[in-house]
Amino acid sequence: MIKQQYIKDEFLFIEYDNGASVKVPFETEPKEVIPELPKNPLLELKKENKELKQQLEQCQQSIVELTALANTVTVPKV
């Protein structure tokens, strides 16, 4: 079991109940910042394609409805 842990002179000291001790370098900030992984472009394109198909279907349905409405309206002849 760990008896004591403390930081001194940029090192982390760990002392154990059995008398053993460990000294390791301690850093307050990581050496390297790992950048965010890029999104899967193929998956993103598939999602966008699905959304565009849904929008197209809605537009086509609206065109059919408007065409049907236009056919029911009579224009007076002058």
N, C-alpha and C. Protein backbone atom coordinates (compact mmCIF):
# COMPACT_ATOMS: atom_id res chain seq x y z
N MET A 1 0.83 -1.18 0.00
CA MET A 1 0.00 0.00 0.00
C MET A 1 0.88 1.25 0.00
N ILE A 2 0.33 2.31 -0.54
CA ILE A 2 1.06 3.57 -0.59
C ILE A 2 0.96 4.24 0.78
N LYS A 3 2.11 4.60 1.29
CA LYS A 3 2.18 5.27 2.59
C LYS A 3 2.08 6.78 2.42
N GLN A 4 2.83 7.31 1.44
CA GLN A 4 2.87 8.75 1.26
C GLN A 4 3.23 9.09 -0.18
N GLN A 5 2.63 10.17 -0.69
CA GLN A 5 2.97 10.71 -2.01
C GLN A 5 3.19 12.20 -1.85
N TYR A 6 4.24 12.71 -2.51
CA TYR A 6 4.48 14.15 -2.47
C TYR A 6 5.31 14.55 -3.68
N ILE A 7 5.23 15.85 -4.00
CA ILE A 7 5.98 16.40 -5.13
C ILE A 7 7.09 17.28 -4.56
N LYS A 8 8.30 17.07 -5.07
CA LYS A 8 9.45 17.86 -4.62
C LYS A 8 10.42 17.99 -5.78
N ASP A 9 10.81 19.23 -6.10
CA ASP A 9 11.78 19.49 -7.16
C ASP A 9 11.39 18.84 -8.48
N GLU A 10 10.14 19.01 -8.87
CA GLU A 10 9.61 18.49 -10.14
C GLU A 10 9.65 16.97 -10.23
N PHE A 11 9.63 16.29 -9.09
CA PHE A 11 9.55 14.83 -9.05
C PHE A 11 8.40 14.42 -8.16
N LEU A 12 7.78 13.31 -8.51
CA LEU A 12 6.74 12.72 -7.69
C LEU A 12 7.39 11.60 -6.89
N PHE A 13 7.31 11.69 -5.58
CA PHE A 13 7.87 10.67 -4.70
C PHE A 13 6.72 9.84 -4.15
N ILE A 14 6.86 8.53 -4.25
CA ILE A 14 5.86 7.61 -3.71
C ILE A 14 6.58 6.69 -2.73
N GLU A 15 6.11 6.68 -1.49
CA GLU A 15 6.69 5.81 -0.47
C GLU A 15 5.65 4.76 -0.10
N TYR A 16 6.09 3.52 0.00
CA TYR A 16 5.20 2.41 0.31
C TYR A 16 5.40 1.95 1.75
N ASP A 17 4.40 1.24 2.26
CA ASP A 17 4.45 0.73 3.64
C ASP A 17 5.63 -0.21 3.87
N ASN A 18 6.02 -0.95 2.84
CA ASN A 18 7.10 -1.92 3.00
C ASN A 18 8.49 -1.28 2.95
N GLY A 19 8.55 0.06 2.83
CA GLY A 19 9.82 0.76 2.83
C GLY A 19 10.33 1.12 1.45
N ALA A 20 9.75 0.58 0.42
CA ALA A 20 10.18 0.90 -0.94
C ALA A 20 9.73 2.31 -1.29
N SER A 21 10.46 2.94 -2.20
CA SER A 21 10.07 4.27 -2.66
C SER A 21 10.38 4.41 -4.14
N VAL A 22 9.63 5.28 -4.79
CA VAL A 22 9.77 5.50 -6.22
C VAL A 22 9.85 7.01 -6.44
N LYS A 23 10.74 7.40 -7.34
CA LYS A 23 10.89 8.82 -7.71
C LYS A 23 10.73 8.90 -9.22
N VAL A 24 9.71 9.64 -9.66
CA VAL A 24 9.46 9.77 -11.10
C VAL A 24 9.30 11.25 -11.45
N PRO A 25 9.71 11.63 -12.65
CA PRO A 25 9.53 13.03 -13.06
C PRO A 25 8.04 13.39 -13.06
N PHE A 26 7.74 14.57 -12.59
CA PHE A 26 6.36 15.02 -12.52
C PHE A 26 6.21 16.26 -13.40
N GLU A 27 5.22 16.23 -14.27
CA GLU A 27 4.94 17.36 -15.13
C GLU A 27 3.52 17.83 -14.86
N THR A 28 3.36 19.13 -14.80
CA THR A 28 2.02 19.66 -14.57
C THR A 28 1.23 19.76 -15.87
N GLU A 29 1.93 19.81 -17.00
CA GLU A 29 1.26 19.89 -18.29
C GLU A 29 1.78 18.77 -19.19
N PRO A 30 0.93 18.25 -20.04
CA PRO A 30 1.40 17.18 -20.93
C PRO A 30 2.44 17.69 -21.92
N LYS A 31 3.33 16.81 -22.31
CA LYS A 31 4.36 17.17 -23.28
C LYS A 31 3.74 17.46 -24.64
N GLU A 32 2.76 16.68 -25.00
CA GLU A 32 2.18 16.79 -26.34
C GLU A 32 0.67 16.76 -26.24
N VAL A 33 0.05 17.69 -26.89
CA VAL A 33 -1.41 17.72 -26.92
C VAL A 33 -1.86 16.89 -28.12
N ILE A 34 -2.69 15.91 -27.86
CA ILE A 34 -3.17 15.04 -28.93
C ILE A 34 -4.33 15.76 -29.63
N PRO A 35 -4.20 16.00 -30.93
CA PRO A 35 -5.28 16.70 -31.64
C PRO A 35 -6.52 15.82 -31.75
N GLU A 36 -7.65 16.47 -31.91
CA GLU A 36 -8.90 15.73 -32.09
C GLU A 36 -8.82 14.94 -33.39
N LEU A 37 -9.25 13.71 -33.30
CA LEU A 37 -9.21 12.86 -34.49
C LEU A 37 -10.21 13.38 -35.52
N PRO A 38 -9.84 13.33 -36.79
CA PRO A 38 -10.78 13.79 -37.82
C PRO A 38 -11.98 12.86 -37.90
N LYS A 39 -13.10 13.44 -38.22
CA LYS A 39 -14.30 12.62 -38.38
C LYS A 39 -14.15 11.76 -39.62
N ASN A 40 -14.87 10.66 -39.61
CA ASN A 40 -14.84 9.75 -40.75
C ASN A 40 -15.55 10.43 -41.92
N PRO A 41 -14.79 10.86 -42.95
CA PRO A 41 -15.43 11.61 -44.04
C PRO A 41 -16.48 10.80 -44.79
N LEU A 42 -16.26 9.51 -44.95
CA LEU A 42 -17.23 8.68 -45.67
C LEU A 42 -18.54 8.61 -44.89
N LEU A 43 -18.44 8.44 -43.59
CA LEU A 43 -19.64 8.39 -42.76
C LEU A 43 -20.38 9.72 -42.79
N GLU A 44 -19.62 10.82 -42.74
CA GLU A 44 -20.24 12.14 -42.80
C GLU A 44 -20.96 12.34 -44.14
N LEU A 45 -20.35 11.90 -45.23
CA LEU A 45 -20.98 12.03 -46.54
C LEU A 45 -22.24 11.18 -46.64
N LYS A 46 -22.22 9.99 -46.05
CA LYS A 46 -23.41 9.14 -46.07
C LYS A 46 -24.56 9.81 -45.32
N LYS A 47 -24.24 10.43 -44.17
CA LYS A 47 -25.28 11.13 -43.40
C LYS A 47 -25.84 12.30 -44.21
N GLU A 48 -24.94 13.06 -44.81
CA GLU A 48 -25.37 14.22 -45.61
C GLU A 48 -26.23 13.76 -46.79
N ASN A 49 -25.83 12.66 -47.43
CA ASN A 49 -26.58 12.12 -48.57
C ASN A 49 -27.99 11.72 -48.14
N LYS A 50 -28.09 11.08 -46.98
CA LYS A 50 -29.40 10.66 -46.48
C LYS A 50 -30.29 11.88 -46.22
N GLU A 51 -29.71 12.92 -45.61
CA GLU A 51 -30.48 14.14 -45.34
C GLU A 51 -30.92 14.81 -46.64
N LEU A 52 -30.05 14.84 -47.63
CA LEU A 52 -30.40 15.46 -48.91
C LEU A 52 -31.48 14.67 -49.63
N LYS A 53 -31.45 13.35 -49.53
CA LYS A 53 -32.50 12.52 -50.15
C LYS A 53 -33.85 12.84 -49.52
N GLN A 54 -33.87 13.00 -48.18
CA GLN A 54 -35.12 13.33 -47.50
C GLN A 54 -35.63 14.70 -47.94
N GLN A 55 -34.73 15.66 -48.07
CA GLN A 55 -35.14 16.99 -48.53
C GLN A 55 -35.68 16.94 -49.95
N LEU A 56 -35.04 16.15 -50.80
CA LEU A 56 -35.50 16.02 -52.19
C LEU A 56 -36.90 15.41 -52.24
N GLU A 57 -37.13 14.37 -51.43
CA GLU A 57 -38.45 13.74 -51.40
C GLU A 57 -39.52 14.75 -50.95
N GLN A 58 -39.18 15.57 -49.95
CA GLN A 58 -40.14 16.57 -49.47
C GLN A 58 -40.42 17.61 -50.55
N CYS A 59 -39.40 18.03 -51.27
CA CYS A 59 -39.58 19.01 -52.34
C CYS A 59 -40.43 18.43 -53.47
N GLN A 60 -40.15 17.18 -53.83
CA GLN A 60 -40.92 16.54 -54.90
C GLN A 60 -42.39 16.41 -54.50
N GLN A 61 -42.65 16.07 -53.24
CA GLN A 61 -44.03 15.96 -52.77
C GLN A 61 -44.71 17.33 -52.81
N SER A 62 -43.98 18.37 -52.43
CA SER A 62 -44.55 19.72 -52.47
C SER A 62 -44.88 20.13 -53.89
N ILE A 63 -44.02 19.78 -54.85
CA ILE A 63 -44.27 20.11 -56.26
C ILE A 63 -45.53 19.40 -56.75
N VAL A 64 -45.69 18.14 -56.38
CA VAL A 64 -46.88 17.38 -56.79
C VAL A 64 -48.13 18.05 -56.21
N GLU A 65 -48.08 18.43 -54.95
CA GLU A 65 -49.24 19.06 -54.31
C GLU A 65 -49.55 20.42 -54.95
N LEU A 66 -48.52 21.21 -55.22
CA LEU A 66 -48.75 22.52 -55.84
C LEU A 66 -49.27 22.38 -57.27
N THR A 67 -48.78 21.38 -58.00
CA THR A 67 -49.26 21.15 -59.37
C THR A 67 -50.73 20.75 -59.35
N ALA A 68 -51.10 19.89 -58.41
CA ALA A 68 -52.50 19.48 -58.29
C ALA A 68 -53.38 20.67 -57.94
N LEU A 69 -52.88 21.54 -57.06
CA LEU A 69 -53.64 22.72 -56.69
C LEU A 69 -53.78 23.68 -57.88
N ALA A 70 -52.71 23.83 -58.64
CA ALA A 70 -52.74 24.73 -59.80
C ALA A 70 -53.72 24.22 -60.85
N ASN A 71 -53.85 22.92 -60.98
CA ASN A 71 -54.77 22.35 -61.97
C ASN A 71 -56.23 22.55 -61.57
N THR A 72 -56.49 22.77 -60.30
CA THR A 72 -57.88 22.97 -59.87
C THR A 72 -58.32 24.42 -59.98
N VAL A 73 -57.37 25.31 -60.10
CA VAL A 73 -57.71 26.74 -60.19
C VAL A 73 -58.05 27.07 -61.64
N THR A 74 -59.18 27.73 -61.82
CA THR A 74 -59.56 28.13 -63.18
C THR A 74 -59.23 29.61 -63.37
N VAL A 75 -58.67 29.89 -64.49
CA VAL A 75 -58.31 31.27 -64.81
C VAL A 75 -59.41 31.82 -65.71
N PRO A 76 -60.02 32.94 -65.32
CA PRO A 76 -61.09 33.50 -66.17
C PRO A 76 -60.51 33.99 -67.49
N LYS A 77 -61.25 33.70 -68.56
CA LYS A 77 -60.82 34.15 -69.88
C LYS A 77 -61.32 35.56 -70.10
N VAL A 78 -60.48 36.38 -70.63
CA VAL A 78 -60.84 37.78 -70.86
C VAL A 78 -61.28 38.00 -72.27
